[in-house]
């Protein structure tokens, strides 16, 4: 039925979105330094302020972090 197909599509789309979010988190972990290159504050994917898919601000000094800044 249309309802069953709609529910199945919703479920599949949700699974894809969750997988993409997990992949993005893994990518972020790969380049995010353990400490801020400016203030030395500890960083993690949960504590920085994400400003884009691959940019974040340090929660302590607001330095913009990018993949090229990896030490």
PDB file of N, CA and C in Angstrom:
ATOM      1  N   UNK A   1       0.842  -1.189   0.000  1.00  0.00           N
ATOM      2  CA  UNK A   1       0.000   0.000   0.000  1.00  0.00           C
ATOM      3  C   UNK A   1       0.882   1.245   0.000  1.00  0.00           C
ATOM      4  N   UNK A   2       0.274   2.366  -0.249  1.00  0.00           N
ATOM      5  CA  UNK A   2       0.996   3.632  -0.268  1.00  0.00           C
ATOM      6  C   UNK A   2       1.581   3.985   1.082  1.00  0.00           C
ATOM      7  N   UNK A   3       0.836   3.667   2.151  1.00  0.00           N
ATOM      8  CA  UNK A   3       1.318   3.966   3.500  1.00  0.00           C
ATOM      9  C   UNK A   3       2.545   3.115   3.815  1.00  0.00           C
ATOM     10  N   UNK A   4       2.492   1.838   3.475  1.00  0.00           N
ATOM     11  CA  UNK A   4       3.632   0.948   3.728  1.00  0.00           C
ATOM     12  C   UNK A   4       4.864   1.406   2.959  1.00  0.00           C
ATOM     13  N   UNK A   5       4.670   1.781   1.710  1.00  0.00           N
ATOM     14  CA  UNK A   5       5.790   2.257   0.900  1.00  0.00           C
ATOM     15  C   UNK A   5       6.356   3.551   1.473  1.00  0.00           C
ATOM     16  N   UNK A   6       5.472   4.425   1.929  1.00  0.00           N
ATOM     17  CA  UNK A   6       5.913   5.683   2.528  1.00  0.00           C
ATOM     18  C   UNK A   6       6.721   5.447   3.787  1.00  0.00           C
ATOM     19  N   UNK A   7       6.256   4.537   4.634  1.00  0.00           N
ATOM     20  CA  UNK A   7       6.985   4.219   5.860  1.00  0.00           C
ATOM     21  C   UNK A   7       8.339   3.583   5.563  1.00  0.00           C
ATOM     22  N   UNK A   8       8.366   2.702   4.575  1.00  0.00           N
ATOM     23  CA  UNK A   8       9.624   2.052   4.206  1.00  0.00           C
ATOM     24  C   UNK A   8      10.607   3.091   3.677  1.00  0.00           C
ATOM     25  N   UNK A   9      10.135   3.995   2.842  1.00  0.00           N
ATOM     26  CA  UNK A   9      11.009   5.038   2.292  1.00  0.00           C
ATOM     27  C   UNK A   9      11.537   5.934   3.418  1.00  0.00           C
ATOM     28  N   UNK A  10      10.667   6.300   4.360  1.00  0.00           N
ATOM     29  CA  UNK A  10      11.073   7.122   5.499  1.00  0.00           C
ATOM     30  C   UNK A  10      12.163   6.410   6.296  1.00  0.00           C
ATOM     31  N   UNK A  11      11.970   5.119   6.546  1.00  0.00           N
ATOM     32  CA  UNK A  11      12.942   4.339   7.307  1.00  0.00           C
ATOM     33  C   UNK A  11      14.289   4.282   6.586  1.00  0.00           C
ATOM     34  N   UNK A  12      14.270   3.999   5.302  1.00  0.00           N
ATOM     35  CA  UNK A  12      15.505   3.908   4.519  1.00  0.00           C
ATOM     36  C   UNK A  12      16.207   5.264   4.490  1.00  0.00           C
ATOM     37  N   UNK A  13      15.460   6.336   4.281  1.00  0.00           N
ATOM     38  CA  UNK A  13      16.041   7.681   4.263  1.00  0.00           C
ATOM     39  C   UNK A  13      16.653   8.022   5.618  1.00  0.00           C
ATOM     40  N   UNK A  14      15.982   7.627   6.679  1.00  0.00           N
ATOM     41  CA  UNK A  14      16.499   7.893   8.024  1.00  0.00           C
ATOM     42  C   UNK A  14      17.796   7.131   8.264  1.00  0.00           C
ATOM     43  N   UNK A  15      17.845   5.886   7.828  1.00  0.00           N
ATOM     44  CA  UNK A  15      19.061   5.084   7.980  1.00  0.00           C
ATOM     45  C   UNK A  15      20.223   5.711   7.212  1.00  0.00           C
ATOM     46  N   UNK A  16      19.948   6.181   5.999  1.00  0.00           N
ATOM     47  CA  UNK A  16      20.990   6.825   5.198  1.00  0.00           C
ATOM     48  C   UNK A  16      21.492   8.083   5.891  1.00  0.00           C
ATOM     49  N   UNK A  17      20.582   8.876   6.430  1.00  0.00           N
ATOM     50  CA  UNK A  17      20.965  10.111   7.119  1.00  0.00           C
ATOM     51  C   UNK A  17      21.827   9.800   8.338  1.00  0.00           C
ATOM     52  N   UNK A  18      21.473   8.764   9.087  1.00  0.00           N
ATOM     53  CA  UNK A  18      22.263   8.379  10.258  1.00  0.00           C
ATOM     54  C   UNK A  18      23.656   7.907   9.848  1.00  0.00           C
ATOM     55  N   UNK A  19      23.744   7.157   8.754  1.00  0.00           N
ATOM     56  CA  UNK A  19      25.040   6.689   8.269  1.00  0.00           C
ATOM     57  C   UNK A  19      25.903   7.858   7.811  1.00  0.00           C
ATOM     58  N   UNK A  20      25.287   8.835   7.135  1.00  0.00           N
ATOM     59  CA  UNK A  20      26.029  10.008   6.682  1.00  0.00           C
ATOM     60  C   UNK A  20      26.513  10.831   7.869  1.00  0.00           C
ATOM     61  N   UNK A  21      25.682  10.967   8.884  1.00  0.00           N
ATOM     62  CA  UNK A  21      26.078  11.716  10.079  1.00  0.00           C
ATOM     63  C   UNK A  21      27.243  11.022  10.782  1.00  0.00           C
ATOM     64  N   UNK A  22      27.206   9.706  10.858  1.00  0.00           N
ATOM     65  CA  UNK A  22      28.291   8.947  11.483  1.00  0.00           C
ATOM     66  C   UNK A  22      29.580   9.095  10.681  1.00  0.00           C
ATOM     67  N   UNK A  23      29.474   9.042   9.357  1.00  0.00           N
ATOM     68  CA  UNK A  23      30.657   9.208   8.509  1.00  0.00           C
ATOM     69  C   UNK A  23      31.247  10.605   8.677  1.00  0.00           C
ATOM     70  N   UNK A  24      30.396  11.614   8.775  1.00  0.00           N
ATOM     71  CA  UNK A  24      30.869  12.989   8.976  1.00  0.00           C
ATOM     72  C   UNK A  24      31.587  13.108  10.314  1.00  0.00           C
ATOM     73  N   UNK A  25      31.054  12.477  11.342  1.00  0.00           N
ATOM     74  CA  UNK A  25      31.677  12.526  12.664  1.00  0.00           C
ATOM     75  C   UNK A  25      33.054  11.862  12.628  1.00  0.00           C
ATOM     76  N   UNK A  26      33.174  10.741  11.941  1.00  0.00           N
ATOM     77  CA  UNK A  26      34.463  10.053  11.831  1.00  0.00           C
ATOM     78  C   UNK A  26      35.471  10.926  11.086  1.00  0.00           C
ATOM     79  N   UNK A  27      35.021  11.587  10.021  1.00  0.00           N
ATOM     80  CA  UNK A  27      35.901  12.474   9.264  1.00  0.00           C
ATOM     81  C   UNK A  27      36.375  13.621  10.138  1.00  0.00           C
ATOM     82  N   UNK A  28      35.470  14.187  10.924  1.00  0.00           N
ATOM     83  CA  UNK A  28      35.836  15.284  11.818  1.00  0.00           C
ATOM     84  C   UNK A  28      36.870  14.833  12.840  1.00  0.00           C
ATOM     85  N   UNK A  29      36.699  13.640  13.382  1.00  0.00           N
ATOM     86  CA  UNK A  29      37.656  13.124  14.366  1.00  0.00           C
ATOM     87  C   UNK A  29      39.041  12.964  13.754  1.00  0.00           C
ATOM     88  N   UNK A  30      39.083  12.636  12.459  1.00  0.00           N
ATOM     89  CA  UNK A  30      40.360  12.401  11.783  1.00  0.00           C
ATOM     90  C   UNK A  30      41.220  13.658  11.705  1.00  0.00           C
ATOM     91  N   UNK A  31      40.619  14.817  11.526  1.00  0.00           N
ATOM     92  CA  UNK A  31      41.430  16.027  11.347  1.00  0.00           C
ATOM     93  C   UNK A  31      41.454  16.957  12.550  1.00  0.00           C
ATOM     94  N   UNK A  32      40.516  16.830  13.463  1.00  0.00           N
ATOM     95  CA  UNK A  32      40.461  17.756  14.598  1.00  0.00           C
ATOM     96  C   UNK A  32      41.638  17.510  15.539  1.00  0.00           C
ATOM     97  N   UNK A  33      42.457  18.542  15.799  1.00  0.00           N
ATOM     98  CA  UNK A  33      43.584  18.344  16.714  1.00  0.00           C
ATOM     99  C   UNK A  33      43.101  18.109  18.145  1.00  0.00           C
ATOM    100  N   UNK A  34      43.922  17.491  18.951  1.00  0.00           N
ATOM    101  CA  UNK A  34      43.569  17.207  20.346  1.00  0.00           C
ATOM    102  C   UNK A  34      43.531  18.480  21.178  1.00  0.00           C
ATOM    103  N   UNK A  35      44.311  19.485  20.742  1.00  0.00           N
ATOM    104  CA  UNK A  35      44.301  20.761  21.467  1.00  0.00           C
ATOM    105  C   UNK A  35      44.328  21.911  20.468  1.00  0.00           C
ATOM    106  N   UNK A  36      43.815  23.037  20.887  1.00  0.00           N
ATOM    107  CA  UNK A  36      43.760  24.226  20.044  1.00  0.00           C
ATOM    108  C   UNK A  36      45.177  24.723  19.757  1.00  0.00           C
ATOM    109  N   UNK A  37      45.495  24.994  18.488  1.00  0.00           N
ATOM    110  CA  UNK A  37      46.829  25.499  18.168  1.00  0.00           C
ATOM    111  C   UNK A  37      47.066  26.921  18.688  1.00  0.00           C
ATOM    112  N   UNK A  38      46.006  27.626  19.042  1.00  0.00           N
ATOM    113  CA  UNK A  38      46.143  28.996  19.537  1.00  0.00           C
ATOM    114  C   UNK A  38      46.260  29.054  21.061  1.00  0.00           C
ATOM    115  N   UNK A  39      45.289  28.464  21.771  1.00  0.00           N
ATOM    116  CA  UNK A  39      45.273  28.594  23.236  1.00  0.00           C
ATOM    117  C   UNK A  39      45.683  27.320  23.973  1.00  0.00           C
ATOM    118  N   UNK A  40      45.756  26.197  23.248  1.00  0.00           N
ATOM    119  CA  UNK A  40      46.144  24.940  23.879  1.00  0.00           C
ATOM    120  C   UNK A  40      45.014  24.221  24.596  1.00  0.00           C
ATOM    121  N   UNK A  41      43.798  24.753  24.498  1.00  0.00           N
ATOM    122  CA  UNK A  41      42.649  24.117  25.146  1.00  0.00           C
ATOM    123  C   UNK A  41      42.333  22.769  24.521  1.00  0.00           C
ATOM    124  N   UNK A  42      41.862  21.810  25.320  1.00  0.00           N
ATOM    125  CA  UNK A  42      41.521  20.488  24.790  1.00  0.00           C
ATOM    126  C   UNK A  42      40.308  20.562  23.867  1.00  0.00           C
ATOM    127  N   UNK A  43      40.366  19.820  22.762  1.00  0.00           N
ATOM    128  CA  UNK A  43      39.290  19.824  21.779  1.00  0.00           C
ATOM    129  C   UNK A  43      38.750  18.419  21.569  1.00  0.00           C
ATOM    130  N   UNK A  44      37.477  18.338  21.295  1.00  0.00           N
ATOM    131  CA  UNK A  44      36.855  17.081  20.883  1.00  0.00           C
ATOM    132  C   UNK A  44      35.696  17.429  19.963  1.00  0.00           C
ATOM    133  N   UNK A  45      35.224  16.438  19.215  1.00  0.00           N
ATOM    134  CA  UNK A  45      34.118  16.695  18.288  1.00  0.00           C
ATOM    135  C   UNK A  45      32.863  17.144  19.023  1.00  0.00           C
ATOM    136  N   UNK A  46      32.760  16.820  20.302  1.00  0.00           N
ATOM    137  CA  UNK A  46      31.580  17.197  21.077  1.00  0.00           C
ATOM    138  C   UNK A  46      31.678  18.585  21.696  1.00  0.00           C
ATOM    139  N   UNK A  47      32.885  19.123  21.844  1.00  0.00           N
ATOM    140  CA  UNK A  47      33.027  20.395  22.547  1.00  0.00           C
ATOM    141  C   UNK A  47      33.244  21.596  21.640  1.00  0.00           C
ATOM    142  N   UNK A  48      33.757  21.386  20.422  1.00  0.00           N
ATOM    143  CA  UNK A  48      33.962  22.529  19.534  1.00  0.00           C
ATOM    144  C   UNK A  48      32.624  23.010  18.987  1.00  0.00           C
ATOM    145  N   UNK A  49      32.608  24.235  18.503  1.00  0.00           N
ATOM    146  CA  UNK A  49      31.411  24.807  17.883  1.00  0.00           C
ATOM    147  C   UNK A  49      31.556  24.650  16.372  1.00  0.00           C
ATOM    148  N   UNK A  50      30.822  23.694  15.797  1.00  0.00           N
ATOM    149  CA  UNK A  50      30.937  23.421  14.370  1.00  0.00           C
ATOM    150  C   UNK A  50      30.302  24.554  13.582  1.00  0.00           C
ATOM    151  N   UNK A  51      31.078  25.127  12.657  1.00  0.00           N
ATOM    152  CA  UNK A  51      30.599  26.227  11.831  1.00  0.00           C
ATOM    153  C   UNK A  51      30.345  25.783  10.403  1.00  0.00           C
ATOM    154  N   UNK A  52      30.713  24.565  10.072  1.00  0.00           N
ATOM    155  CA  UNK A  52      30.514  23.981   8.754  1.00  0.00           C
ATOM    156  C   UNK A  52      30.895  22.521   8.801  1.00  0.00           C
ATOM    157  N   UNK A  53      30.787  21.826   7.675  1.00  0.00           N
ATOM    158  CA  UNK A  53      31.114  20.399   7.663  1.00  0.00           C
ATOM    159  C   UNK A  53      32.561  20.106   8.048  1.00  0.00           C
ATOM    160  N   UNK A  54      33.465  21.025   7.748  1.00  0.00           N
ATOM    161  CA  UNK A  54      34.871  20.793   8.089  1.00  0.00           C
ATOM    162  C   UNK A  54      35.525  22.040   8.682  1.00  0.00           C
ATOM    163  N   UNK A  55      34.738  22.834   9.379  1.00  0.00           N
ATOM    164  CA  UNK A  55      35.283  23.988  10.098  1.00  0.00           C
ATOM    165  C   UNK A  55      34.619  24.073  11.459  1.00  0.00           C
ATOM    166  N   UNK A  56      35.406  24.502  12.437  1.00  0.00           N
ATOM    167  CA  UNK A  56      34.890  24.606  13.802  1.00  0.00           C
ATOM    168  C   UNK A  56      35.608  25.735  14.519  1.00  0.00           C
ATOM    169  N   UNK A  57      35.004  26.206  15.593  1.00  0.00           N
ATOM    170  CA  UNK A  57      35.623  27.224  16.438  1.00  0.00           C
ATOM    171  C   UNK A  57      35.975  26.608  17.784  1.00  0.00           C
ATOM    172  N   UNK A  58      37.136  26.984  18.295  1.00  0.00           N
ATOM    173  CA  UNK A  58      37.559  26.555  19.622  1.00  0.00           C
ATOM    174  C   UNK A  58      36.562  27.098  20.648  1.00  0.00           C
ATOM    175  N   UNK A  59      36.108  26.269  21.587  1.00  0.00           N
ATOM    176  CA  UNK A  59      35.143  26.747  22.584  1.00  0.00           C
ATOM    177  C   UNK A  59      35.761  27.689  23.618  1.00  0.00           C
ATOM    178  N   UNK A  60      37.088  27.782  23.656  1.00  0.00           N
ATOM    179  CA  UNK A  60      37.763  28.615  24.651  1.00  0.00           C
ATOM    180  C   UNK A  60      38.172  29.974  24.098  1.00  0.00           C
ATOM    181  N   UNK A  61      38.771  29.986  22.895  1.00  0.00           N
ATOM    182  CA  UNK A  61      39.280  31.250  22.352  1.00  0.00           C
ATOM    183  C   UNK A  61      38.641  31.643  21.020  1.00  0.00           C
ATOM    184  N   UNK A  62      37.745  30.802  20.510  1.00  0.00           N
ATOM    185  CA  UNK A  62      37.014  31.044  19.254  1.00  0.00           C
ATOM    186  C   UNK A  62      37.888  31.013  18.004  1.00  0.00           C
ATOM    187  N   UNK A  63      39.101  30.479  18.095  1.00  0.00           N
ATOM    188  CA  UNK A  63      39.937  30.318  16.905  1.00  0.00           C
ATOM    189  C   UNK A  63      39.228  29.402  15.930  1.00  0.00           C
ATOM    190  N   UNK A  64      39.207  29.793  14.646  1.00  0.00           N
ATOM    191  CA  UNK A  64      38.589  28.962  13.625  1.00  0.00           C
ATOM    192  C   UNK A  64      39.542  27.831  13.272  1.00  0.00           C
ATOM    193  N   UNK A  65      39.055  26.616  13.329  1.00  0.00           N
ATOM    194  CA  UNK A  65      39.849  25.417  13.066  1.00  0.00           C
ATOM    195  C   UNK A  65      39.437  24.828  11.725  1.00  0.00           C
ATOM    196  N   UNK A  66      40.428  24.407  10.950  1.00  0.00           N
ATOM    197  CA  UNK A  66      40.193  23.799   9.638  1.00  0.00           C
ATOM    198  C   UNK A  66      41.091  22.574   9.510  1.00  0.00           C
ATOM    199  N   UNK A  67      40.775  21.670   8.581  1.00  0.00           N
ATOM    200  CA  UNK A  67      41.604  20.471   8.426  1.00  0.00           C
ATOM    201  C   UNK A  67      43.083  20.761   8.208  1.00  0.00           C
ATOM    202  N   UNK A  68      43.442  21.823   7.508  1.00  0.00           N
ATOM    203  CA  UNK A  68      44.851  22.136   7.247  1.00  0.00           C
ATOM    204  C   UNK A  68      45.609  22.496   8.515  1.00  0.00           C
ATOM    205  N   UNK A  69      44.894  22.809   9.612  1.00  0.00           N
ATOM    206  CA  UNK A  69      45.538  23.203  10.861  1.00  0.00           C
ATOM    207  C   UNK A  69      45.991  22.008  11.683  1.00  0.00           C
ATOM    208  N   UNK A  70      45.704  20.807  11.205  1.00  0.00           N
ATOM    209  CA  UNK A  70      46.051  19.601  11.964  1.00  0.00           C
ATOM    210  C   UNK A  70      47.545  19.561  12.220  1.00  0.00           C
ATOM    211  N   UNK A  71      47.911  19.207  13.461  1.00  0.00           N
ATOM    212  CA  UNK A  71      49.337  19.162  13.802  1.00  0.00           C
ATOM    213  C   UNK A  71      49.855  17.752  13.814  1.00  0.00           C
TER     214      UNK A  71
END
